[in-house]
Amino acid sequence: MFQATVVKWILLYLVISPTIFIICLSDLHSNNLLAAKRKRMSERVRKMFYHAYDNYMMYAFPHDELKPLTKTFTDSLSELGNLKLEHLPQQYNGSALTLIESLSSLVILGNYTEFEKAIIWLSENLSFDVDARVNLFECNIRVLGGLVSAHILATDSTNRLVQVIYKNQLLDLAEDLGRRFLPAFNTPTGLPYAWINLKHGVIADETTETSTSGCGSLILEMGALSRLTGDTRFETAALRALRKLWSMRSSLNLLGTTLDVATGDWIEYSSGIGAGVDSFYEYLMKAYVLFGRDEIWKMFQSAYIGVQKYFRHGPWYHEADMRTGTATYWQLTSLQAFWPGLQVLVGDIEAANSSHREFFKVWKKYGVLPERYLLDHQVLHPTEKYYPLRPELAESTFYLYQATKDPWYMEVGESIMNSLNAHTRVKGGFASIRDVTTMQLEDHQHSFFLAETCKYLYLLFDDSFLLNQNYIFTTEGHPLPVRSNWHEKLPKAYNLSNGSSIKTGKQRKRSSAMSLQICPASMIHHEPNARRLESACHIPDTGADHRCFSDDDCGVDANTCGRRSCSLAGYCGLWSLI
């Protein structure tokens, strides 16, 4: 009997083992195919980058940006870009904006030779002592951010840069530029002017109107500059502005879109997660990651919950009045497409995926993502039909692939790449689209196409730059390393209204995905009686007993991030799913 049993097991093994072997070979084959495809896709993105970069260097350098249809240039960073060539100041030759924006991309692509050449040229030729009025926000995220990031990459011992040629020239330029920013903060509120003259400071009768993003998205670049130089004035100015801005929030923890830096009064009360506000939310989260300030984490937590409660409608985000939470404009703007990427950092993978898929549906509908799309009518905005090569959808696609490793996101990236090559590639570079219904082109290749769009597509297919590294990317796609010596302190636990109790040692404390910074979709405790941590999107029902009179009394479900509704019996729940 024993021998019969052994024979049965041997026969069973002989039947099963070939199947297992075939399955293993199949998995290996699939992995090899996936790796080969990623390599092909990354090479295609590399060619896109150099087509844009080489044409800029040939026809526009050292001016700011390329006009690919006419193979000329524009100095778009300052108001001087509106003047004709013969009217430009004699000493003004542009800021080489696209070159600065391309520095970190060159490193990611492994082109250290071109990176070194760029450093040498900038150190010998770039000067900010020019009579030029520039937008503080744009100059900060593009130029200061590009210089600070490139300096860090240039001093990274893992990069194959000839150290003998680099003696902190980029940091010196960044520090000079940062000092020229400081007069913009000399206001009664500490909120900076939107415009600054690089030579003369704030000019007479300068406008006092600015945006929430304009004065609330400076902390990453100026904070990093302070950490690198030891001059605390930069971070202090940016942090003071951020604190003042946060103090102007409504009782709903919402902010408006535009404000007066002299009086501290709101001008536009309606806002959302798009233009004028977007990078404010982004920088709260990323500043906490970079600097570890507890107060910034608390700001972000409250702001994020406010957004989820008052702006979110299913997978979409509309705009609302900061004072009442009442919906104002039901529209998608292309800048909103960054939000799923931010949600990945928070840990709300399910919510991020839901919104990302809706953005991609609109992309597929038109071939690219239009600047503004009216959600209530499911039609394009009558005047804002353009697509200026924006990177936000590619950015969120990269983050979601990093979080899930779902190959579907690579298919999305391939679709984005195919559309860009089909509709925007011209002989002189890549042109913006003036009208997505006709695909009529506009003569402008924005610098962020090289700083962000190509970069995020490349990292989607080849993330070797991130191997054993920990970076956050600024809103302009410039990488900044997360360093322990830049951190104030380790995260604390907070008294949260949306947390579940967890036991650590002998103490039981309130905690959530946001305070622990984990991905709730994959974090499950293995203890027998432990509860699954609730997601950061959770908004509790108004009543502890879950009784309600209307949908307004119901919150957002912790596990699905779905909006709860009030039943006929007067109880909150996910009734629409039943």
Protein backbone atom coordinates (compact mmCIF):
# COMPACT_ATOMS: atom_id res chain seq x y z
CA MET A 1 0.00 0.00 0.00
CA PHE A 2 2.86 2.34 0.85
CA GLN A 3 4.47 1.61 -2.52
CA ALA A 4 1.19 2.31 -4.32
CA THR A 5 0.92 5.66 -2.57
CA VAL A 6 4.46 6.58 -3.54
CA VAL A 7 3.76 5.64 -7.16
CA LYS A 8 0.63 7.84 -7.15
CA TRP A 9 2.62 10.82 -5.84
CA ILE A 10 5.33 10.27 -8.44
CA LEU A 11 2.76 10.09 -11.23
CA LEU A 12 1.03 13.21 -9.89
CA TYR A 13 4.37 15.05 -9.79
CA LEU A 14 5.17 14.02 -13.36
CA VAL A 15 1.80 15.38 -14.49
CA ILE A 16 1.99 18.67 -12.54
CA SER A 17 5.69 19.55 -12.83
CA PRO A 18 5.64 20.18 -16.62
CA THR A 19 2.66 22.46 -16.08
CA ILE A 20 4.52 24.38 -13.37
CA PHE A 21 7.57 24.53 -15.60
CA ILE A 22 5.49 25.87 -18.50
CA ILE A 23 3.88 28.48 -16.23
CA CYS A 24 7.30 29.60 -14.95
CA LEU A 25 8.59 29.84 -18.51
CA SER A 26 5.50 31.81 -19.47
CA ASP A 27 6.02 34.25 -16.59
CA LEU A 28 9.69 34.60 -17.48
CA HIS A 29 8.77 35.22 -21.11
CA SER A 30 6.20 37.85 -20.09
CA ASN A 31 8.73 39.61 -17.89
CA ASN A 32 11.29 39.61 -20.69
CA LEU A 33 8.72 41.03 -23.10
CA LEU A 34 7.79 43.72 -20.60
CA ALA A 35 11.43 44.66 -20.03
CA ALA A 36 12.05 44.81 -23.78
CA LYS A 37 9.02 47.01 -24.28
CA ARG A 38 10.10 49.36 -21.50
CA LYS A 39 13.49 49.71 -23.14
CA ARG A 40 11.92 50.48 -26.53
CA MET A 41 9.55 53.02 -25.02
CA SER A 42 12.30 54.75 -23.04
CA GLU A 43 14.39 55.07 -26.20
CA ARG A 44 11.45 56.66 -28.00
CA VAL A 45 11.08 59.20 -25.20
CA ARG A 46 14.82 59.86 -25.32
CA LYS A 47 14.51 60.70 -29.03
CA MET A 48 11.59 63.02 -28.26
CA PHE A 49 13.63 64.87 -25.66
CA TYR A 50 16.62 65.38 -27.93
CA HIS A 51 14.43 66.44 -30.85
CA ALA A 52 13.08 69.21 -28.64
CA TYR A 53 16.41 69.99 -26.94
CA ASP A 54 18.60 70.01 -30.05
CA ASN A 55 16.22 72.32 -31.90
CA TYR A 56 16.13 74.68 -28.93
CA MET A 57 19.93 74.77 -28.79
CA MET A 58 20.15 75.35 -32.53
CA TYR A 59 17.46 77.99 -33.01
CA ALA A 60 16.64 79.59 -29.65
CA PHE A 61 19.55 79.30 -27.19
CA PRO A 62 20.46 81.31 -25.10
CA HIS A 63 16.97 82.81 -25.12
CA ASP A 64 14.18 81.36 -23.05
CA GLU A 65 12.04 79.15 -25.25
CA LEU A 66 11.79 77.83 -28.79
CA LYS A 67 9.19 78.72 -31.40
CA PRO A 68 9.35 75.45 -33.35
CA LEU A 69 7.24 76.38 -36.37
CA THR A 70 9.31 79.43 -37.32
CA LYS A 71 12.51 78.17 -35.67
CA THR A 72 12.91 81.38 -33.70
CA PHE A 73 12.82 82.21 -29.98
CA THR A 74 10.84 83.93 -27.28
CA ASP A 75 12.01 85.38 -23.96
CA SER A 76 8.89 84.29 -22.15
CA LEU A 77 10.08 84.41 -18.55
CA SER A 78 9.89 88.21 -18.24
CA GLU A 79 7.73 90.95 -19.66
CA LEU A 80 10.63 91.65 -22.02
CA GLY A 81 9.39 88.68 -23.99
CA ASN A 82 6.59 90.90 -25.26
CA LEU A 83 9.05 93.33 -26.88
CA LYS A 84 10.42 93.09 -30.37
CA LEU A 85 14.04 92.03 -30.74
CA GLU A 86 15.26 95.52 -31.63
CA HIS A 87 13.66 96.93 -28.45
CA LEU A 88 15.32 94.52 -26.01
CA PRO A 89 17.99 95.97 -23.69
CA GLN A 90 21.39 95.56 -25.29
CA GLN A 91 22.75 93.42 -22.46
CA TYR A 92 19.71 91.12 -22.36
CA ASN A 93 20.16 87.82 -24.19
CA GLY A 94 17.58 85.75 -22.36
CA SER A 95 17.96 83.58 -19.31
CA ALA A 96 18.61 80.30 -21.16
CA LEU A 97 15.45 79.11 -19.44
CA THR A 98 15.00 75.91 -21.42
CA LEU A 99 18.64 74.96 -20.82
CA ILE A 100 18.22 75.44 -17.05
CA GLU A 101 14.99 73.47 -17.12
CA SER A 102 16.73 70.64 -18.98
CA LEU A 103 19.64 70.18 -16.56
CA SER A 104 18.13 67.46 -14.37
CA SER A 105 16.63 65.75 -17.42
CA LEU A 106 20.11 65.48 -18.93
CA VAL A 107 21.33 63.75 -15.77
CA ILE A 108 18.37 61.37 -15.72
CA LEU A 109 19.11 60.50 -19.34
CA GLY A 110 22.75 59.91 -18.39
CA ASN A 111 24.16 62.67 -20.60
CA TYR A 112 26.84 64.01 -18.23
CA THR A 113 28.87 65.52 -21.07
CA GLU A 114 26.05 67.87 -22.07
CA PHE A 115 25.33 68.53 -18.39
CA GLU A 116 28.95 69.64 -17.86
CA LYS A 117 28.87 71.87 -20.96
CA ALA A 118 25.68 73.50 -19.68
CA ILE A 119 27.22 74.16 -16.26
CA ILE A 120 30.27 75.78 -17.81
CA TRP A 121 28.19 78.01 -20.07
CA LEU A 122 25.83 79.09 -17.29
CA SER A 123 28.67 79.83 -14.86
CA GLU A 124 30.42 82.01 -17.45
CA ASN A 125 27.45 83.76 -19.05
CA LEU A 126 24.30 83.78 -16.93
CA SER A 127 23.62 86.96 -14.95
CA PHE A 128 20.51 88.10 -13.11
CA ASP A 129 21.68 91.70 -12.89
CA VAL A 130 19.24 92.77 -15.61
CA ASP A 131 16.47 95.33 -15.72
CA ALA A 132 13.76 92.72 -16.21
CA ARG A 133 10.38 92.33 -14.47
CA VAL A 134 9.75 88.62 -13.86
CA ASN A 135 6.95 86.60 -12.34
CA LEU A 136 8.16 85.47 -8.90
CA PHE A 137 6.33 82.14 -8.93
CA GLU A 138 7.46 81.12 -12.43
CA CYS A 139 11.04 82.28 -11.88
CA ASN A 140 11.15 80.41 -8.58
CA ILE A 141 9.89 77.04 -9.82
CA ARG A 142 11.71 77.16 -13.17
CA VAL A 143 15.00 78.98 -12.66
CA LEU A 144 15.73 78.81 -8.93
CA GLY A 145 14.41 75.25 -8.72
CA GLY A 146 16.37 74.20 -11.79
CA LEU A 147 19.63 75.67 -10.46
CA VAL A 148 19.25 74.24 -6.94
CA SER A 149 18.37 70.77 -8.23
CA ALA A 150 21.21 70.77 -10.75
CA HIS A 151 23.69 71.89 -8.07
CA ILE A 152 22.69 68.93 -5.90
CA LEU A 153 23.04 66.55 -8.84
CA ALA A 154 26.40 68.06 -9.75
CA THR A 155 27.75 67.43 -6.24
CA ASP A 156 26.32 63.91 -6.01
CA SER A 157 29.28 61.52 -5.92
CA THR A 158 27.24 58.83 -7.68
CA ASN A 159 27.00 60.95 -10.84
CA ARG A 160 29.84 60.74 -13.32
CA LEU A 161 30.59 64.47 -13.34
CA VAL A 162 34.17 65.74 -13.53
CA GLN A 163 34.27 67.37 -10.11
CA VAL A 164 37.28 69.51 -10.93
CA ILE A 165 35.16 71.76 -13.17
CA TYR A 166 32.41 72.30 -10.65
CA LYS A 167 32.94 74.70 -7.77
CA ASN A 168 29.35 75.47 -6.72
CA GLN A 169 28.74 77.87 -9.63
CA LEU A 170 25.08 76.91 -9.90
CA LEU A 171 24.55 77.40 -6.18
CA ASP A 172 26.17 80.84 -6.39
CA LEU A 173 23.76 81.77 -9.18
CA ALA A 174 20.83 80.41 -7.19
CA GLU A 175 21.83 82.38 -4.10
CA ASP A 176 22.14 85.58 -6.14
CA LEU A 177 18.68 85.01 -7.60
CA GLY A 178 17.21 84.21 -4.19
CA ARG A 179 18.50 87.49 -2.79
CA ARG A 180 16.82 89.34 -5.64
CA PHE A 181 13.53 87.67 -4.67
CA LEU A 182 13.59 88.92 -1.07
CA PRO A 183 12.29 92.49 -1.69
CA ALA A 184 9.07 90.94 -3.01
CA PHE A 185 8.26 89.81 0.54
CA ASN A 186 8.43 93.31 2.01
CA THR A 187 4.67 93.73 2.33
CA PRO A 188 2.44 94.44 5.35
CA THR A 189 1.28 90.81 5.29
CA GLY A 190 4.52 89.05 4.38
CA LEU A 191 2.79 87.72 1.28
CA PRO A 192 5.05 88.39 -1.73
CA TYR A 193 4.29 90.49 -4.78
CA ALA A 194 3.61 88.45 -7.90
CA TRP A 195 6.19 90.44 -9.90
CA ILE A 196 9.73 91.57 -9.10
CA ASN A 197 12.33 93.50 -11.09
CA LEU A 198 15.59 91.59 -10.86
CA LYS A 199 17.67 94.78 -10.83
CA HIS A 200 15.49 97.29 -9.01
CA GLY A 201 13.21 95.20 -6.78
CA VAL A 202 9.51 96.04 -6.56
CA ILE A 203 8.71 98.85 -8.98
CA ALA A 204 6.38 101.75 -8.17
CA ASP A 205 2.66 101.05 -8.52
CA GLU A 206 3.27 97.31 -8.78
CA THR A 207 0.07 95.26 -8.68
CA THR A 208 -0.75 93.80 -5.28
CA GLU A 209 -2.86 90.98 -6.69
CA THR A 210 -1.43 87.47 -6.65
CA SER A 211 -2.64 83.88 -6.57
CA THR A 212 -2.68 81.27 -3.83
CA SER A 213 -0.12 79.25 -5.78
CA GLY A 214 1.96 82.36 -6.38
CA CYS A 215 2.60 83.02 -2.70
CA GLY A 216 2.10 79.52 -1.29
CA SER A 217 4.39 77.48 -3.58
CA LEU A 218 7.83 78.85 -2.76
CA ILE A 219 8.86 76.76 0.23
CA LEU A 220 10.57 73.84 -1.57
CA GLU A 221 13.03 75.86 -3.65
CA MET A 222 13.69 78.62 -1.11
CA GLY A 223 13.83 76.15 1.77
CA ALA A 224 16.35 73.99 -0.08
CA LEU A 225 18.39 77.11 -0.88
CA SER A 226 18.55 77.97 2.81
CA ARG A 227 19.65 74.44 3.73
CA LEU A 228 22.40 74.52 1.10
CA THR A 229 23.73 78.03 1.81
CA GLY A 230 23.07 78.39 5.54
CA ASP A 231 21.22 81.66 4.84
CA THR A 232 17.87 81.24 6.62
CA ARG A 233 16.28 84.33 5.06
CA PHE A 234 14.96 82.43 2.05
CA GLU A 235 13.14 79.72 3.99
CA THR A 236 11.97 82.22 6.62
CA ALA A 237 10.36 84.45 3.99
CA ALA A 238 8.63 81.55 2.21
CA LEU A 239 7.46 79.99 5.48
CA ARG A 240 6.10 83.30 6.79
CA ALA A 241 4.09 83.72 3.59
CA LEU A 242 2.79 80.15 3.86
CA ARG A 243 1.71 80.66 7.46
CA LYS A 244 -0.05 83.91 6.62
CA LEU A 245 -1.83 82.31 3.69
CA TRP A 246 -3.01 79.42 5.85
CA SER A 247 -4.32 81.85 8.47
CA MET A 248 -6.60 83.30 5.77
CA ARG A 249 -8.44 80.01 5.22
CA SER A 250 -12.16 79.77 5.84
CA SER A 251 -13.82 77.81 8.63
CA LEU A 252 -14.11 74.96 6.09
CA ASN A 253 -10.29 74.91 5.66
CA LEU A 254 -10.67 76.18 2.09
CA LEU A 255 -8.77 78.98 0.38
CA GLY A 256 -9.65 81.26 -2.51
CA THR A 257 -7.78 81.72 -5.77
CA THR A 258 -6.55 85.33 -5.79
CA LEU A 259 -5.78 87.81 -3.01
CA ASP A 260 -4.28 91.21 -2.21
CA VAL A 261 -0.79 91.02 -0.67
CA ALA A 262 -1.07 94.48 0.87
CA THR A 263 -4.38 94.02 2.71
CA GLY A 264 -4.57 90.24 3.03
CA ASP A 265 -8.09 90.27 1.58
CA TRP A 266 -9.39 87.66 -0.81
CA ILE A 267 -10.28 88.82 -4.31
CA GLU A 268 -11.63 85.57 -5.77
CA TYR A 269 -13.43 83.30 -3.30
CA SER A 270 -14.07 80.43 -5.70
CA SER A 271 -11.31 77.85 -5.97
CA GLY A 272 -10.58 74.21 -6.64
CA ILE A 273 -7.48 72.09 -7.24
CA GLY A 274 -6.60 73.64 -10.61
CA ALA A 275 -5.02 76.86 -11.85
CA GLY A 276 -4.11 79.39 -9.20
CA VAL A 277 -4.27 76.91 -6.30
CA ASP A 278 -2.89 73.54 -7.47
CA SER A 279 0.74 73.73 -6.37
CA PHE A 280 -0.25 75.11 -2.94
CA TYR A 281 -1.62 71.68 -2.00
CA GLU A 282 1.27 69.93 -3.70
CA TYR A 283 3.89 71.94 -1.79
CA LEU A 284 2.28 71.38 1.60
CA MET A 285 2.64 67.63 1.20
CA LYS A 286 6.09 67.73 -0.40
CA ALA A 287 7.46 70.32 2.04
CA TYR A 288 6.57 67.99 4.87
CA VAL A 289 8.35 65.12 3.15
CA LEU A 290 11.41 67.30 2.50
CA PHE A 291 11.68 69.20 5.77
CA GLY A 292 9.59 67.21 8.26
CA ARG A 293 7.83 70.23 9.79
CA ASP A 294 4.84 69.06 11.83
CA GLU A 295 2.95 72.32 11.31
CA ILE A 296 3.06 71.86 7.52
CA TRP A 297 1.75 68.31 7.89
CA LYS A 298 -1.20 69.59 9.94
CA MET A 299 -1.90 72.21 7.28
CA PHE A 300 -1.91 69.60 4.55
CA GLN A 301 -4.07 67.16 6.46
CA SER A 302 -6.78 69.77 7.09
CA ALA A 303 -6.55 71.14 3.55
CA TYR A 304 -6.75 67.67 1.98
CA ILE A 305 -9.84 66.69 3.94
CA GLY A 306 -11.44 70.02 2.98
CA VAL A 307 -10.80 69.29 -0.70
CA GLN A 308 -12.22 65.79 -0.46
CA LYS A 309 -15.32 67.02 1.32
CA TYR A 310 -16.20 70.13 -0.67
CA PHE A 311 -14.60 69.78 -4.12
CA ARG A 312 -14.91 66.09 -4.90
CA HIS A 313 -17.84 64.67 -6.82
CA GLY A 314 -17.23 61.02 -7.65
CA PRO A 315 -13.93 60.88 -9.58
CA TRP A 316 -14.13 64.59 -10.50
CA TYR A 317 -13.28 67.77 -8.63
CA HIS A 318 -15.37 70.89 -9.19
CA GLU A 319 -14.75 74.38 -7.84
CA ALA A 320 -16.52 75.79 -4.79
CA ASP A 321 -16.89 78.96 -2.74
CA MET A 322 -14.35 78.88 0.08
CA ARG A 323 -16.85 80.45 2.49
CA THR A 324 -19.77 78.07 2.02
CA GLY A 325 -18.47 75.02 0.16
CA THR A 326 -21.17 75.58 -2.47
CA ALA A 327 -20.19 74.38 -5.96
CA THR A 328 -19.43 77.23 -8.37
CA TYR A 329 -17.87 75.87 -11.57
CA TRP A 330 -18.20 72.30 -12.80
CA GLN A 331 -15.14 72.03 -14.97
CA LEU A 332 -12.03 69.99 -15.56
CA THR A 333 -8.81 71.89 -16.14
CA SER A 334 -5.70 70.19 -17.43
CA LEU A 335 -3.68 71.35 -14.41
CA GLN A 336 -5.95 69.25 -12.17
CA ALA A 337 -4.39 66.11 -13.65
CA PHE A 338 -1.53 66.43 -11.14
CA TRP A 339 -3.92 65.50 -8.30
CA PRO A 340 -3.83 61.69 -8.71
CA GLY A 341 -0.04 61.85 -8.43
CA LEU A 342 -0.33 63.78 -5.19
CA GLN A 343 -2.86 61.27 -3.90
CA VAL A 344 -0.33 58.50 -4.50
CA LEU A 345 2.02 60.26 -2.08
CA VAL A 346 -0.82 60.47 0.44
CA GLY A 347 -1.72 56.80 0.02
CA ASP A 348 -5.15 57.16 -1.59
CA ILE A 349 -4.35 54.84 -4.48
CA GLU A 350 -7.96 53.92 -5.20
CA ALA A 351 -9.10 57.54 -5.38
CA ALA A 352 -6.06 58.43 -7.48
CA ASN A 353 -6.76 55.65 -9.96
CA SER A 354 -10.41 56.65 -10.24
CA SER A 355 -9.64 60.26 -11.16
CA HIS A 356 -6.72 59.35 -13.40
CA ARG A 357 -8.91 57.08 -15.53
CA GLU A 358 -11.39 59.91 -16.10
CA PHE A 359 -8.63 62.28 -17.20
CA PHE A 360 -7.34 59.63 -19.59
CA LYS A 361 -10.84 59.18 -21.06
CA VAL A 362 -10.89 62.88 -21.93
CA TRP A 363 -7.38 62.54 -23.39
CA LYS A 364 -8.50 59.66 -25.62
CA LYS A 365 -11.62 61.58 -26.65
CA TYR A 366 -9.64 64.51 -28.05
CA GLY A 367 -6.19 63.01 -28.63
CA VAL A 368 -4.70 65.31 -25.97
CA LEU A 369 -5.99 66.93 -22.77
CA PRO A 370 -7.79 70.23 -23.43
CA GLU A 371 -7.09 73.14 -21.11
CA ARG A 372 -10.68 73.31 -19.86
CA TYR A 373 -13.61 70.89 -20.14
CA LEU A 374 -17.12 71.61 -18.85
CA LEU A 375 -18.20 68.65 -16.73
CA ASP A 376 -21.85 69.64 -16.44
CA HIS A 377 -22.27 69.78 -20.23
CA GLN A 378 -19.56 67.26 -21.23
CA VAL A 379 -18.19 69.69 -23.81
CA LEU A 380 -15.09 71.78 -24.34
CA HIS A 381 -14.83 75.28 -22.95
CA PRO A 382 -15.65 77.62 -25.87
CA THR A 383 -12.36 79.56 -25.73
CA GLU A 384 -9.85 77.40 -23.81
CA LYS A 385 -9.44 74.58 -26.30
CA TYR A 386 -5.67 74.55 -26.35
CA TYR A 387 -3.06 72.05 -25.16
CA PRO A 388 0.37 73.57 -24.39
CA LEU A 389 2.25 70.24 -24.01
CA ARG A 390 1.37 70.03 -20.31
CA PRO A 391 2.94 67.21 -18.24
CA GLU A 392 0.39 66.62 -15.47
CA LEU A 393 -1.27 63.47 -16.86
CA ALA A 394 2.12 61.89 -17.61
CA GLU A 395 3.22 62.83 -14.09
CA SER A 396 0.28 61.10 -12.41
CA THR A 397 0.71 58.09 -14.69
CA PHE A 398 4.33 57.77 -13.53
CA TYR A 399 3.36 57.96 -9.85
CA LEU A 400 0.57 55.41 -10.21
CA TYR A 401 2.84 52.94 -11.99
CA GLN A 402 5.44 53.34 -9.26
CA ALA A 403 2.78 52.63 -6.62
CA THR A 404 1.03 49.70 -8.32
CA LYS A 405 3.40 48.32 -11.00
CA ASP A 406 0.28 47.81 -13.07
CA PRO A 407 1.43 47.60 -16.73
CA TRP A 408 -1.78 49.34 -17.80
CA TYR A 409 -0.16 52.63 -16.82
CA MET A 410 2.65 51.96 -19.26
CA GLU A 411 0.00 51.56 -21.94
CA VAL A 412 -1.33 54.99 -20.92
CA GLY A 413 2.19 56.40 -21.19
CA GLU A 414 2.61 54.87 -24.63
CA SER A 415 -0.70 56.40 -25.72
CA ILE A 416 0.40 59.83 -24.47
CA MET A 417 3.71 59.47 -26.31
CA ASN A 418 2.00 58.41 -29.53
CA SER A 419 -0.36 61.38 -29.38
CA LEU A 420 2.49 63.84 -28.81
CA ASN A 421 4.43 62.46 -31.77
CA ALA A 422 1.36 62.34 -34.01
CA HIS A 423 -0.07 65.76 -33.24
CA THR A 424 2.66 68.03 -31.89
CA ARG A 425 5.98 66.94 -33.39
CA VAL A 426 7.22 69.22 -36.17
CA LYS A 427 10.57 69.58 -37.90
CA GLY A 428 11.68 72.31 -35.51
CA GLY A 429 10.66 70.62 -32.24
CA PHE A 430 7.29 70.10 -30.54
CA ALA A 431 4.54 72.69 -30.96
CA SER A 432 1.63 73.45 -28.65
CA ILE A 433 -1.91 72.86 -29.90
CA ARG A 434 -4.13 75.93 -30.29
CA ASP A 435 -7.40 74.03 -30.82
CA VAL A 436 -7.80 70.34 -29.90
CA THR A 437 -10.82 69.99 -32.20
CA THR A 438 -8.78 70.86 -35.31
CA MET A 439 -5.26 70.13 -34.01
CA GLN A 440 -4.19 73.56 -35.24
CA LEU A 441 -0.69 74.21 -33.90
CA GLU A 442 0.73 77.16 -31.99
CA ASP A 443 4.33 78.32 -32.38
CA HIS A 444 5.55 77.62 -28.84
CA GLN A 445 7.57 74.85 -27.20
CA HIS A 446 7.32 75.46 -23.46
CA SER A 447 10.37 74.74 -21.33
CA PHE A 448 8.33 72.44 -19.10
CA PHE A 449 8.04 70.01 -22.01
CA LEU A 450 11.70 69.12 -21.41
CA ALA A 451 11.64 69.65 -17.64
CA GLU A 452 8.53 67.56 -16.98
CA THR A 453 6.63 65.98 -19.87
CA CYS A 454 9.57 64.10 -21.34
CA LYS A 455 11.07 63.45 -17.91
CA TYR A 456 8.00 61.76 -16.42
CA LEU A 457 7.44 59.70 -19.56
CA TYR A 458 11.05 58.56 -19.48
CA LEU A 459 10.93 57.68 -15.77
CA LEU A 460 7.74 55.71 -16.40
CA PHE A 461 9.70 53.37 -18.68
CA ASP A 462 13.18 53.66 -17.13
CA ASP A 463 13.31 54.47 -13.43
CA SER A 464 16.96 53.52 -12.91
CA PHE A 465 17.66 57.11 -11.79
CA LEU A 466 15.52 56.43 -8.73
CA LEU A 467 17.30 53.21 -7.79
CA ASN A 468 18.36 53.39 -4.13
CA GLN A 469 17.49 57.11 -4.15
CA ASN A 470 14.74 59.06 -2.43
CA TYR A 471 13.61 62.18 -4.26
CA ILE A 472 10.63 64.43 -4.34
CA PHE A 473 9.96 66.38 -7.53
CA THR A 474 9.05 70.05 -7.46
CA THR A 475 6.00 71.29 -9.35
CA GLU A 476 8.36 71.89 -12.29
CA GLY A 477 9.76 68.36 -12.14
CA HIS A 478 13.13 69.23 -10.57
CA PRO A 479 14.32 66.44 -8.20
CA LEU A 480 15.31 67.31 -4.63
CA PRO A 481 16.75 64.57 -2.39
CA VAL A 482 15.08 63.71 0.90
CA ARG A 483 17.84 64.09 3.48
CA SER A 484 17.58 63.29 7.17
CA ASN A 485 19.71 66.30 8.10
CA TRP A 486 17.15 68.58 6.43
CA HIS A 487 14.39 67.25 8.66
CA GLU A 488 13.15 69.10 11.71
CA LYS A 489 12.20 65.89 13.54
CA LEU A 490 10.46 62.58 13.05
CA PRO A 491 6.66 62.56 12.54
CA LYS A 492 4.45 62.70 15.60
CA ALA A 493 1.06 61.07 16.11
CA TYR A 494 -1.93 63.40 16.01
CA ASN A 495 -5.38 63.40 17.52
CA LEU A 496 -7.29 62.61 14.38
CA SER A 497 -11.01 62.56 13.83
CA ASN A 498 -10.62 60.14 10.93
CA GLY A 499 -8.34 57.56 12.50
CA SER A 500 -8.64 54.07 13.84
CA SER A 501 -7.08 52.91 17.08
CA ILE A 502 -3.88 50.91 16.92
CA LYS A 503 -1.92 49.42 19.79
CA THR A 504 1.83 50.00 20.02
CA GLY A 505 3.34 48.35 23.07
CA LYS A 506 1.13 49.21 26.04
CA GLN A 507 -0.29 52.39 24.54
CA ARG A 508 -3.28 52.76 22.29
CA LYS A 509 -3.34 55.84 20.10
CA ARG A 510 -5.28 57.35 17.21
CA SER A 511 -3.71 56.80 13.84
CA SER A 512 -4.49 56.85 10.14
CA ALA A 513 -2.85 56.34 6.77
CA MET A 514 -1.92 60.01 6.73
CA SER A 515 -0.16 60.05 10.09
CA LEU A 516 1.64 56.76 9.44
CA GLN A 517 2.27 57.61 5.79
CA ILE A 518 1.39 54.20 4.41
CA CYS A 519 -0.68 53.03 1.50
CA PRO A 520 -4.02 51.96 2.98
CA ALA A 521 -4.80 49.69 0.06
CA SER A 522 -1.97 47.36 0.97
CA MET A 523 -1.51 47.91 4.72
CA ILE A 524 -3.23 45.25 6.80
CA HIS A 525 -2.16 44.33 10.31
CA HIS A 526 -1.53 40.66 10.86
CA GLU A 527 -2.56 40.64 14.52
CA PRO A 528 -5.80 38.67 15.04
CA ASN A 529 -7.86 41.56 16.43
CA ALA A 530 -6.20 44.45 14.62
CA ARG A 531 -8.29 46.79 12.48
CA ARG A 532 -7.36 47.87 8.98
CA LEU A 533 -6.10 51.45 8.92
CA GLU A 534 -8.50 53.93 7.42
CA SER A 535 -7.61 55.87 4.30
CA ALA A 536 -6.64 59.51 4.31
CA CYS A 537 -9.74 60.43 2.31
CA HIS A 538 -12.06 59.40 5.13
CA ILE A 539 -14.51 62.09 6.24
CA PRO A 540 -16.69 61.02 9.20
CA ASP A 541 -20.46 61.37 9.16
CA THR A 542 -21.74 64.37 11.10
CA GLY A 543 -23.45 62.22 13.69
CA ALA A 544 -21.69 59.47 15.60
CA ASP A 545 -24.84 57.35 15.23
CA HIS A 546 -24.75 57.91 11.43
CA ARG A 547 -28.24 59.43 11.48
CA CYS A 548 -28.87 62.06 8.78
CA PHE A 549 -31.44 64.43 7.36
CA SER A 550 -29.69 65.00 4.02
CA ASP A 551 -26.57 63.96 2.07
CA ASP A 552 -24.75 66.93 3.58
CA ASP A 553 -24.75 65.07 6.91
CA CYS A 554 -22.78 62.18 5.39
CA GLY A 555 -19.04 61.96 4.78
CA VAL A 556 -16.66 59.95 2.61
CA ASP A 557 -16.15 56.20 3.10
CA ALA A 558 -12.75 55.20 4.48
CA ASN A 559 -12.14 52.12 2.33
CA THR A 560 -13.57 53.10 -1.05
CA CYS A 561 -13.20 56.90 -0.84
CA GLY A 562 -16.81 56.94 -2.06
CA ARG A 563 -19.21 59.70 -1.08
CA ARG A 564 -21.81 58.43 1.41
CA SER A 565 -25.47 59.39 1.03
CA CYS A 566 -28.55 59.63 3.23
CA SER A 567 -31.13 56.86 2.90
CA LEU A 568 -34.92 57.27 3.11
CA ALA A 569 -34.70 55.79 6.59
CA GLY A 570 -32.28 58.54 7.63
CA TYR A 571 -28.96 56.69 7.84
CA CYS A 572 -25.66 57.42 6.06
CA GLY A 573 -24.15 54.70 3.90
CA LEU A 574 -22.90 53.71 0.46
CA TRP A 575 -26.47 53.21 -0.71
CA SER A 576 -25.69 53.97 -4.34
CA LEU A 577 -23.49 50.86 -4.42
CA ILE A 578 -26.21 48.51 -3.17
